[in-house]
Amino acid sequence: MNMDVREDLSHKEVDDFFPMEEPDISEDYIPSEDEPYMNSRQLTYFRLKLLSWRKELVSLLGVNLHQIREESAKEVDVIDQGTLEANTAFKICSQDRSQKIIRDIDAALERIHSMTYGYCKETGEEIGIKRLEARPTATLSLEAQSWSERGKHYERSIFQ
């Protein structure tokens, strides 16, 4: 079993992501729908939120990779080998998921830099503060996401 991470996304440092002139925002700041949409305070808020999430995931990637390497070096008896392999497979799956999320975060940070963050890539409409709070990497409005999911559901039902 190959224990190497397929793609190392941890090489980018937090400072590599488009240093911007950002307004100071307090730690208790929460974007409001009463203020102009995607103003500099909101963009800074989401940028910091994404960077924090990214840093946490990169740290977890390192810990998991270290654990996988340690476990694969251990001598285990035949009975425990199945459990070890299942745990390793689960951790590798988790690694893949974390790397996908990091790529999504990187794309969201690029959208912040290009000032397209918060707008639906299909319709150009506002995604909305509440949706971005729940899923900061969202690229579709709820309506566009719903249409997309219905289309995928329809396609699956045709081909079954």
Protein backbone atom coordinates (compact mmCIF):
# COMPACT_ATOMS: atom_id res chain seq x y z
CA MET A 1 0.00 0.00 0.00
CA ASN A 2 1.43 3.39 -0.99
CA MET A 3 1.67 5.60 2.08
CA ASP A 4 2.72 8.78 0.28
CA VAL A 5 0.24 11.60 0.05
CA ARG A 6 -0.79 11.99 -3.57
CA GLU A 7 -0.50 15.73 -3.59
CA ASP A 8 1.20 17.90 -1.00
CA LEU A 9 -0.99 20.94 -0.51
CA SER A 10 0.71 22.06 2.67
CA HIS A 11 3.51 23.85 0.79
CA LYS A 12 1.50 27.04 0.53
CA GLU A 13 1.86 29.19 3.57
CA VAL A 14 -0.89 31.42 4.90
CA ASP A 15 1.01 34.51 3.70
CA ASP A 16 1.10 33.18 0.13
CA PHE A 17 -2.59 33.91 -0.25
CA PHE A 18 -2.85 37.32 -1.74
CA PRO A 19 -1.84 39.77 0.93
CA MET A 20 -4.59 42.36 0.87
CA GLU A 21 -5.07 45.66 2.58
CA GLU A 22 -7.65 44.51 5.04
CA PRO A 23 -9.68 46.46 7.50
CA ASP A 24 -9.22 45.54 11.12
CA ILE A 25 -12.15 43.49 12.28
CA SER A 26 -12.81 42.46 15.84
CA GLU A 27 -12.82 38.81 16.82
CA ASP A 28 -16.55 38.98 17.55
CA TYR A 29 -17.42 40.45 14.14
CA ILE A 30 -20.10 38.51 12.28
CA PRO A 31 -21.17 39.59 8.80
CA SER A 32 -24.64 41.03 8.64
CA GLU A 33 -27.14 41.18 5.82
CA ASP A 34 -27.76 44.81 6.86
CA GLU A 35 -24.38 45.93 5.48
CA PRO A 36 -23.33 46.11 1.82
CA TYR A 37 -22.81 42.62 0.41
CA MET A 38 -19.19 41.44 0.17
CA ASN A 39 -17.73 44.66 1.49
CA SER A 40 -14.11 44.70 2.62
CA ARG A 41 -15.00 43.68 6.19
CA GLN A 42 -16.97 40.66 5.00
CA LEU A 43 -14.24 39.63 2.55
CA THR A 44 -11.65 39.90 5.32
CA TYR A 45 -13.87 37.89 7.66
CA PHE A 46 -14.28 35.04 5.17
CA ARG A 47 -10.62 35.18 4.15
CA LEU A 48 -9.52 34.76 7.76
CA LYS A 49 -12.09 32.02 8.31
CA LEU A 50 -10.87 30.11 5.24
CA LEU A 51 -7.20 30.54 6.18
CA SER A 52 -7.86 29.26 9.69
CA TRP A 53 -9.74 26.22 8.37
CA ARG A 54 -6.96 25.55 5.86
CA LYS A 55 -4.27 25.74 8.54
CA GLU A 56 -6.21 23.28 10.71
CA LEU A 57 -6.59 20.81 7.82
CA VAL A 58 -2.91 21.02 6.85
CA SER A 59 -1.98 20.30 10.46
CA LEU A 60 -4.30 17.27 10.55
CA LEU A 61 -2.82 16.01 7.27
CA GLY A 62 0.62 16.01 8.86
CA VAL A 63 -0.56 14.21 11.98
CA ASN A 64 -2.43 11.55 9.98
CA LEU A 65 0.50 10.96 7.65
CA HIS A 66 2.82 10.55 10.64
CA GLN A 67 0.41 8.05 12.24
CA ILE A 68 0.09 6.08 9.00
CA ARG A 69 3.85 5.82 8.67
CA GLU A 70 4.28 4.78 12.32
CA GLU A 71 1.57 2.13 12.09
CA SER A 72 2.92 0.69 8.85
CA ALA A 73 6.36 0.26 10.44
CA LYS A 74 4.98 -1.77 13.37
CA GLU A 75 5.17 -5.53 13.46
CA VAL A 76 1.66 -6.92 13.88
CA ASP A 77 0.33 -10.41 14.06
CA VAL A 78 -1.92 -11.77 11.32
CA ILE A 79 -5.09 -11.25 13.35
CA ASP A 80 -4.41 -7.55 13.91
CA GLN A 81 -3.25 -6.95 10.34
CA GLY A 82 -6.81 -6.66 8.97
CA THR A 83 -7.72 -4.05 11.55
CA LEU A 84 -4.53 -2.11 10.85
CA GLU A 85 -5.19 -2.17 7.09
CA ALA A 86 -8.79 -1.01 7.58
CA ASN A 87 -7.63 1.85 9.82
CA THR A 88 -4.95 2.82 7.32
CA ALA A 89 -7.46 2.78 4.45
CA PHE A 90 -9.80 4.99 6.48
CA LYS A 91 -7.00 7.47 7.22
CA ILE A 92 -5.97 7.60 3.56
CA CYS A 93 -9.59 8.26 2.61
CA SER A 94 -9.64 11.03 5.21
CA GLN A 95 -6.40 12.43 3.76
CA ASP A 96 -7.96 12.52 0.28
CA ARG A 97 -11.05 14.30 1.61
CA SER A 98 -8.94 16.88 3.46
CA GLN A 99 -6.89 17.56 0.33
CA LYS A 100 -10.06 18.11 -1.69
CA ILE A 101 -11.31 20.58 0.91
CA ILE A 102 -7.94 22.39 0.88
CA ARG A 103 -8.22 22.74 -2.92
CA ASP A 104 -11.74 24.15 -2.47
CA ILE A 105 -10.44 26.58 0.16
CA ASP A 106 -7.61 27.66 -2.16
CA ALA A 107 -10.15 28.29 -4.94
CA ALA A 108 -12.33 30.32 -2.54
CA LEU A 109 -9.29 32.39 -1.50
CA GLU A 110 -8.58 33.06 -5.17
CA ARG A 111 -12.20 34.19 -5.64
CA ILE A 112 -11.78 36.58 -2.72
CA HIS A 113 -8.70 37.99 -4.40
CA SER A 114 -10.50 38.38 -7.73
CA MET A 115 -13.55 39.88 -5.97
CA THR A 116 -15.90 37.17 -7.25
CA TYR A 117 -16.31 35.47 -3.86
CA GLY A 118 -19.88 35.28 -2.64
CA TYR A 119 -21.44 35.27 -6.10
CA CYS A 120 -22.92 32.21 -7.82
CA LYS A 121 -20.73 30.91 -10.64
CA GLU A 122 -23.83 29.89 -12.62
CA THR A 123 -26.16 32.86 -12.18
CA GLY A 124 -23.95 35.66 -10.86
CA GLU A 125 -26.44 36.22 -8.02
CA GLU A 126 -25.43 36.63 -4.39
CA ILE A 127 -24.88 33.32 -2.62
CA GLY A 128 -25.82 34.87 0.70
CA ILE A 129 -24.11 35.41 4.04
CA LYS A 130 -25.94 32.56 5.81
CA ARG A 131 -24.95 30.02 3.13
CA LEU A 132 -21.33 31.21 3.15
CA GLU A 133 -21.27 30.97 6.94
CA ALA A 134 -22.44 27.36 6.68
CA ARG A 135 -20.21 26.52 3.70
CA PRO A 136 -17.48 29.12 3.06
CA THR A 137 -16.34 27.31 -0.11
CA ALA A 138 -19.79 27.47 -1.75
CA THR A 139 -19.79 28.45 -5.41
CA LEU A 140 -23.52 28.14 -6.12
CA SER A 141 -26.57 29.88 -4.70
CA LEU A 142 -29.11 27.62 -3.01
CA GLU A 143 -31.35 27.75 -6.07
CA ALA A 144 -28.52 26.87 -8.48
CA GLN A 145 -27.33 24.10 -6.13
CA SER A 146 -30.84 22.71 -5.98
CA TRP A 147 -31.11 22.72 -9.78
CA SER A 148 -27.72 21.06 -10.06
CA GLU A 149 -28.67 18.31 -7.61
CA ARG A 150 -32.03 17.74 -9.31
CA GLY A 151 -30.25 17.36 -12.64
CA LYS A 152 -27.83 14.82 -11.20
CA HIS A 153 -30.70 12.93 -9.56
CA TYR A 154 -32.58 12.91 -12.87
CA GLU A 155 -29.51 11.65 -14.75
CA ARG A 156 -28.99 8.83 -12.23
CA SER A 157 -32.63 7.74 -12.51
CA ILE A 158 -32.43 7.62 -16.33
CA PHE A 159 -29.33 5.43 -16.38
CA GLN A 160 -30.46 2.95 -13.75
